[in-house]
Amino acid sequence: MSAYLISLGAGILIGVFYALFKVRSPAPPGIALIGLLGMVLGERLITGVGHLFGG
Protein backbone atom coordinates (compact mmCIF):
# COMPACT_ATOMS: atom_id res chain seq x y z
CA MET A 1 0.00 0.00 0.00
CA SER A 2 2.85 2.40 0.77
CA ALA A 3 4.18 2.08 -2.80
CA TYR A 4 0.82 3.30 -4.08
CA LEU A 5 0.86 6.26 -1.73
CA ILE A 6 4.42 7.17 -2.70
CA SER A 7 3.49 6.96 -6.37
CA LEU A 8 0.40 9.10 -5.83
CA GLY A 9 2.41 11.66 -3.87
CA ALA A 10 5.11 11.82 -6.52
CA GLY A 11 2.48 12.29 -9.24
CA ILE A 12 0.80 15.09 -7.31
CA LEU A 13 4.17 16.76 -6.69
CA ILE A 14 5.08 16.61 -10.37
CA GLY A 15 1.65 18.00 -11.26
CA VAL A 16 2.17 20.93 -8.88
CA PHE A 17 5.57 21.69 -10.45
CA TYR A 18 4.03 21.52 -13.93
CA ALA A 19 1.33 23.98 -12.85
CA LEU A 20 3.74 26.37 -11.11
CA PHE A 21 6.12 26.53 -14.06
CA LYS A 22 3.29 26.38 -16.64
CA VAL A 23 4.81 23.34 -18.31
CA ARG A 24 2.62 21.22 -20.51
CA SER A 25 2.60 17.48 -20.04
CA PRO A 26 5.09 15.84 -22.41
CA ALA A 27 2.41 13.44 -23.69
CA PRO A 28 -1.29 13.90 -24.36
CA PRO A 29 -3.38 12.27 -21.60
CA GLY A 30 -4.64 9.44 -23.81
CA ILE A 31 -1.15 8.43 -24.89
CA ALA A 32 0.14 8.72 -21.33
CA LEU A 33 -2.61 6.42 -20.05
CA ILE A 34 -1.91 3.85 -22.75
CA GLY A 35 1.78 3.98 -21.77
CA LEU A 36 0.89 3.40 -18.13
CA LEU A 37 -1.33 0.48 -19.10
CA GLY A 38 1.56 -1.01 -21.07
CA MET A 39 3.87 -0.65 -18.08
CA VAL A 40 1.40 -2.39 -15.76
CA LEU A 41 0.74 -5.20 -18.24
CA GLY A 42 4.47 -5.67 -18.84
CA GLU A 43 5.14 -5.90 -15.11
CA ARG A 44 2.37 -8.47 -14.70
CA LEU A 45 3.66 -10.47 -17.65
CA ILE A 46 7.22 -10.59 -16.30
CA THR A 47 5.96 -11.51 -12.82
CA GLY A 48 3.76 -14.27 -14.24
CA VAL A 49 6.54 -15.72 -16.37
CA GLY A 50 8.89 -15.60 -13.37
CA HIS A 51 6.42 -17.56 -11.25
CA LEU A 52 5.81 -20.01 -14.07
CA PHE A 53 9.48 -20.87 -14.59
CA GLY A 54 10.92 -19.97 -11.20
CA GLY A 55 8.37 -21.72 -9.08
PDB file of N, CA and C in Angstrom:
ATOM      1  N   MET A   1       0.821  -1.194   0.000  1.00  0.00           N
ATOM      2  CA  MET A   1       0.000   0.000   0.000  1.00  0.00           C
ATOM      3  C   MET A   1       0.867   1.261   0.000  1.00  0.00           C
ATOM      4  N   SER A   2       2.008   1.215   0.693  1.00  0.00           N
ATOM      5  CA  SER A   2       2.852   2.402   0.767  1.00  0.00           C
ATOM      6  C   SER A   2       3.431   2.769  -0.601  1.00  0.00           C
ATOM      7  N   ALA A   3       3.677   1.776  -1.461  1.00  0.00           N
ATOM      8  CA  ALA A   3       4.181   2.082  -2.802  1.00  0.00           C
ATOM      9  C   ALA A   3       3.146   2.884  -3.595  1.00  0.00           C
ATOM     10  N   TYR A   4       1.882   2.558  -3.398  1.00  0.00           N
ATOM     11  CA  TYR A   4       0.820   3.301  -4.081  1.00  0.00           C
ATOM     12  C   TYR A   4       0.752   4.735  -3.581  1.00  0.00           C
ATOM     13  N   LEU A   5       0.902   4.914  -2.290  1.00  0.00           N
ATOM     14  CA  LEU A   5       0.857   6.258  -1.725  1.00  0.00           C
ATOM     15  C   LEU A   5       2.061   7.087  -2.164  1.00  0.00           C
ATOM     16  N   ILE A   6       3.230   6.462  -2.222  1.00  0.00           N
ATOM     17  CA  ILE A   6       4.424   7.166  -2.697  1.00  0.00           C
ATOM     18  C   ILE A   6       4.247   7.568  -4.157  1.00  0.00           C
ATOM     19  N   SER A   7       3.719   6.664  -4.964  1.00  0.00           N
ATOM     20  CA  SER A   7       3.489   6.955  -6.374  1.00  0.00           C
ATOM     21  C   SER A   7       2.482   8.091  -6.542  1.00  0.00           C
ATOM     22  N   LEU A   8       1.407   8.048  -5.773  1.00  0.00           N
ATOM     23  CA  LEU A   8       0.403   9.104  -5.828  1.00  0.00           C
ATOM     24  C   LEU A   8       1.003  10.439  -5.414  1.00  0.00           C
ATOM     25  N   GLY A   9       1.766  10.429  -4.329  1.00  0.00           N
ATOM     26  CA  GLY A   9       2.405  11.663  -3.866  1.00  0.00           C
ATOM     27  C   GLY A   9       3.378  12.231  -4.883  1.00  0.00           C
ATOM     28  N   ALA A  10       4.162  11.359  -5.504  1.00  0.00           N
ATOM     29  CA  ALA A  10       5.107  11.820  -6.524  1.00  0.00           C
ATOM     30  C   ALA A  10       4.363  12.409  -7.717  1.00  0.00           C
ATOM     31  N   GLY A  11       3.276  11.771  -8.120  1.00  0.00           N
ATOM     32  CA  GLY A  11       2.477  12.291  -9.238  1.00  0.00           C
ATOM     33  C   GLY A  11       1.880  13.650  -8.931  1.00  0.00           C
ATOM     34  N   ILE A  12       1.376  13.802  -7.707  1.00  0.00           N
ATOM     35  CA  ILE A  12       0.803  15.092  -7.313  1.00  0.00           C
ATOM     36  C   ILE A  12       1.891  16.163  -7.274  1.00  0.00           C
ATOM     37  N   LEU A  13       3.060  15.813  -6.749  1.00  0.00           N
ATOM     38  CA  LEU A  13       4.171  16.765  -6.685  1.00  0.00           C
ATOM     39  C   LEU A  13       4.605  17.212  -8.080  1.00  0.00           C
ATOM     40  N   ILE A  14       4.716  16.270  -8.992  1.00  0.00           N
ATOM     41  CA  ILE A  14       5.080  16.614 -10.370  1.00  0.00           C
ATOM     42  C   ILE A  14       4.007  17.496 -10.992  1.00  0.00           C
ATOM     43  N   GLY A  15       2.741  17.182 -10.736  1.00  0.00           N
ATOM     44  CA  GLY A  15       1.653  18.003 -11.257  1.00  0.00           C
ATOM     45  C   GLY A  15       1.702  19.429 -10.737  1.00  0.00           C
ATOM     46  N   VAL A  16       2.043  19.587  -9.459  1.00  0.00           N
ATOM     47  CA  VAL A  16       2.170  20.926  -8.877  1.00  0.00           C
ATOM     48  C   VAL A  16       3.304  21.690  -9.551  1.00  0.00           C
ATOM     49  N   PHE A  17       4.453  21.031  -9.760  1.00  0.00           N
ATOM     50  CA  PHE A  17       5.570  21.692 -10.446  1.00  0.00           C
ATOM     51  C   PHE A  17       5.179  22.085 -11.863  1.00  0.00           C
ATOM     52  N   TYR A  18       4.485  21.198 -12.568  1.00  0.00           N
ATOM     53  CA  TYR A  18       4.033  21.525 -13.929  1.00  0.00           C
ATOM     54  C   TYR A  18       3.142  22.763 -13.909  1.00  0.00           C
ATOM     55  N   ALA A  19       2.234  22.842 -12.939  1.00  0.00           N
ATOM     56  CA  ALA A  19       1.329  23.981 -12.852  1.00  0.00           C
ATOM     57  C   ALA A  19       2.070  25.260 -12.487  1.00  0.00           C
ATOM     58  N   LEU A  20       3.003  25.174 -11.529  1.00  0.00           N
ATOM     59  CA  LEU A  20       3.736  26.367 -11.111  1.00  0.00           C
ATOM     60  C   LEU A  20       4.593  26.942 -12.226  1.00  0.00           C
ATOM     61  N   PHE A  21       5.232  26.071 -13.002  1.00  0.00           N
ATOM     62  CA  PHE A  21       6.118  26.530 -14.064  1.00  0.00           C
ATOM     63  C   PHE A  21       5.429  26.592 -15.414  1.00  0.00           C
ATOM     64  N   LYS A  22       4.098  26.329 -15.422  1.00  0.00           N
ATOM     65  CA  LYS A  22       3.292  26.381 -16.636  1.00  0.00           C
ATOM     66  C   LYS A  22       3.876  25.521 -17.751  1.00  0.00           C
ATOM     67  N   VAL A  23       4.262  24.306 -17.367  1.00  0.00           N
ATOM     68  CA  VAL A  23       4.811  23.338 -18.312  1.00  0.00           C
ATOM     69  C   VAL A  23       3.688  22.407 -18.742  1.00  0.00           C
ATOM     70  N   ARG A  24       3.615  22.160 -20.028  1.00  0.00           N
ATOM     71  CA  ARG A  24       2.618  21.217 -20.513  1.00  0.00           C
ATOM     72  C   ARG A  24       3.145  19.803 -20.341  1.00  0.00           C
ATOM     73  N   SER A  25       2.231  18.888 -20.154  1.00  0.00           N
ATOM     74  CA  SER A  25       2.601  17.482 -20.035  1.00  0.00           C
ATOM     75  C   SER A  25       3.288  17.044 -21.321  1.00  0.00           C
ATOM     76  N   PRO A  26       4.358  16.247 -21.215  1.00  0.00           N
ATOM     77  CA  PRO A  26       5.090  15.843 -22.410  1.00  0.00           C
ATOM     78  C   PRO A  26       4.292  14.923 -23.336  1.00  0.00           C
ATOM     79  N   ALA A  27       3.223  14.331 -22.860  1.00  0.00           N
ATOM     80  CA  ALA A  27       2.406  13.443 -23.687  1.00  0.00           C
ATOM     81  C   ALA A  27       0.942  13.783 -23.478  1.00  0.00           C
ATOM     82  N   PRO A  28       0.155  13.701 -24.544  1.00  0.00           N
ATOM     83  CA  PRO A  28      -1.292  13.898 -24.362  1.00  0.00           C
ATOM     84  C   PRO A  28      -1.835  12.857 -23.382  1.00  0.00           C
ATOM     85  N   PRO A  29      -2.873  13.197 -22.635  1.00  0.00           N
ATOM     86  CA  PRO A  29      -3.375  12.274 -21.602  1.00  0.00           C
ATOM     87  C   PRO A  29      -3.707  10.866 -22.115  1.00  0.00           C
ATOM     88  N   GLY A  30      -4.295  10.760 -23.286  1.00  0.00           N
ATOM     89  CA  GLY A  30      -4.636   9.437 -23.813  1.00  0.00           C
ATOM     90  C   GLY A  30      -3.410   8.579 -24.047  1.00  0.00           C
ATOM     91  N   ILE A  31      -2.385   9.162 -24.622  1.00  0.00           N
ATOM     92  CA  ILE A  31      -1.155   8.425 -24.894  1.00  0.00           C
ATOM     93  C   ILE A  31      -0.454   8.071 -23.579  1.00  0.00           C
ATOM     94  N   ALA A  32      -0.480   8.990 -22.630  1.00  0.00           N
ATOM     95  CA  ALA A  32       0.142   8.719 -21.329  1.00  0.00           C
ATOM     96  C   ALA A  32      -0.557   7.557 -20.626  1.00  0.00           C
ATOM     97  N   LEU A  33      -1.879   7.511 -20.689  1.00  0.00           N
ATOM     98  CA  LEU A  33      -2.612   6.415 -20.046  1.00  0.00           C
ATOM     99  C   LEU A  33      -2.345   5.084 -20.725  1.00  0.00           C
ATOM    100  N   ILE A  34      -2.233   5.087 -22.040  1.00  0.00           N
ATOM    101  CA  ILE A  34      -1.909   3.850 -22.751  1.00  0.00           C
ATOM    102  C   ILE A  34      -0.504   3.388 -22.366  1.00  0.00           C
ATOM    103  N   GLY A  35       0.426   4.327 -22.210  1.00  0.00           N
ATOM    104  CA  GLY A  35       1.777   3.979 -21.771  1.00  0.00           C
ATOM    105  C   GLY A  35       1.784   3.374 -20.377  1.00  0.00           C
ATOM    106  N   LEU A  36       0.991   3.956 -19.476  1.00  0.00           N
ATOM    107  CA  LEU A  36       0.889   3.400 -18.128  1.00  0.00           C
ATOM    108  C   LEU A  36       0.289   2.004 -18.147  1.00  0.00           C
ATOM    109  N   LEU A  37      -0.728   1.805 -18.972  1.00  0.00           N
ATOM    110  CA  LEU A  37      -1.329   0.481 -19.096  1.00  0.00           C
ATOM    111  C   LEU A  37      -0.296  -0.525 -19.588  1.00  0.00           C
ATOM    112  N   GLY A  38       0.503  -0.131 -20.564  1.00  0.00           N
ATOM    113  CA  GLY A  38       1.559  -1.012 -21.066  1.00  0.00           C
ATOM    114  C   GLY A  38       2.569  -1.363 -19.997  1.00  0.00           C
ATOM    115  N   MET A  39       2.921  -0.386 -19.152  1.00  0.00           N
ATOM    116  CA  MET A  39       3.870  -0.650 -18.080  1.00  0.00           C
ATOM    117  C   MET A  39       3.300  -1.650 -17.089  1.00  0.00           C
ATOM    118  N   VAL A  40       2.035  -1.488 -16.724  1.00  0.00           N
ATOM    119  CA  VAL A  40       1.405  -2.394 -15.762  1.00  0.00           C
ATOM    120  C   VAL A  40       1.298  -3.798 -16.350  1.00  0.00           C
ATOM    121  N   LEU A  41       0.860  -3.894 -17.604  1.00  0.00           N
ATOM    122  CA  LEU A  41       0.741  -5.204 -18.238  1.00  0.00           C
ATOM    123  C   LEU A  41       2.100  -5.882 -18.382  1.00  0.00           C
ATOM    124  N   GLY A  42       3.126  -5.121 -18.728  1.00  0.00           N
ATOM    125  CA  GLY A  42       4.471  -5.674 -18.844  1.00  0.00           C
ATOM    126  C   GLY A  42       4.984  -6.197 -17.514  1.00  0.00           C
ATOM    127  N   GLU A  43       4.717  -5.455 -16.443  1.00  0.00           N
ATOM    128  CA  GLU A  43       5.139  -5.900 -15.113  1.00  0.00           C
ATOM    129  C   GLU A  43       4.424  -7.199 -14.735  1.00  0.00           C
ATOM    130  N   ARG A  44       3.132  -7.261 -15.015  1.00  0.00           N
ATOM    131  CA  ARG A  44       2.366  -8.474 -14.700  1.00  0.00           C
ATOM    132  C   ARG A  44       2.863  -9.661 -15.524  1.00  0.00           C
ATOM    133  N   LEU A  45       3.187  -9.406 -16.779  1.00  0.00           N
ATOM    134  CA  LEU A  45       3.664 -10.467 -17.653  1.00  0.00           C
ATOM    135  C   LEU A  45       4.989 -11.033 -17.137  1.00  0.00           C
ATOM    136  N   ILE A  46       5.919 -10.165 -16.802  1.00  0.00           N
ATOM    137  CA  ILE A  46       7.220 -10.594 -16.296  1.00  0.00           C
ATOM    138  C   ILE A  46       7.055 -11.341 -14.978  1.00  0.00           C
ATOM    139  N   THR A  47       6.203 -10.848 -14.102  1.00  0.00           N
ATOM    140  CA  THR A  47       5.959 -11.506 -12.824  1.00  0.00           C
ATOM    141  C   THR A  47       5.349 -12.889 -13.045  1.00  0.00           C
ATOM    142  N   GLY A  48       4.400 -12.980 -13.953  1.00  0.00           N
ATOM    143  CA  GLY A  48       3.759 -14.267 -14.244  1.00  0.00           C
ATOM    144  C   GLY A  48       4.722 -15.272 -14.836  1.00  0.00           C
ATOM    145  N   VAL A  49       5.556 -14.834 -15.758  1.00  0.00           N
ATOM    146  CA  VAL A  49       6.537 -15.719 -16.374  1.00  0.00           C
ATOM    147  C   VAL A  49       7.568 -16.168 -15.329  1.00  0.00           C
ATOM    148  N   GLY A  50       7.948 -15.252 -14.435  1.00  0.00           N
ATOM    149  CA  GLY A  50       8.893 -15.604 -13.371  1.00  0.00           C
ATOM    150  C   GLY A  50       8.336 -16.677 -12.444  1.00  0.00           C
ATOM    151  N   HIS A  51       7.059 -16.545 -12.107  1.00  0.00           N
ATOM    152  CA  HIS A  51       6.420 -17.564 -11.252  1.00  0.00           C
ATOM    153  C   HIS A  51       6.279 -18.897 -11.988  1.00  0.00           C
ATOM    154  N   LEU A  52       5.999 -18.807 -13.281  1.00  0.00           N
ATOM    155  CA  LEU A  52       5.807 -20.010 -14.067  1.00  0.00           C
ATOM    156  C   LEU A  52       7.098 -20.843 -14.154  1.00  0.00           C
ATOM    157  N   PHE A  53       8.218 -20.165 -14.428  1.00  0.00           N
ATOM    158  CA  PHE A  53       9.478 -20.868 -14.586  1.00  0.00           C
ATOM    159  C   PHE A  53      10.295 -20.973 -13.294  1.00  0.00           C
ATOM    160  N   GLY A  54      10.124 -19.997 -12.417  1.00  0.00           N
ATOM    161  CA  GLY A  54      10.919 -19.973 -11.201  1.00  0.00           C
ATOM    162  C   GLY A  54      10.302 -20.740 -10.044  1.00  0.00           C
ATOM    163  N   GLY A  55       9.018 -20.937 -10.140  1.00  0.00           N
ATOM    164  CA  GLY A  55       8.369 -21.716  -9.080  1.00  0.00           C
ATOM    165  C   GLY A  55       7.814 -20.905  -8.053  1.00  0.00           C
TER     166      GLY A  55
END
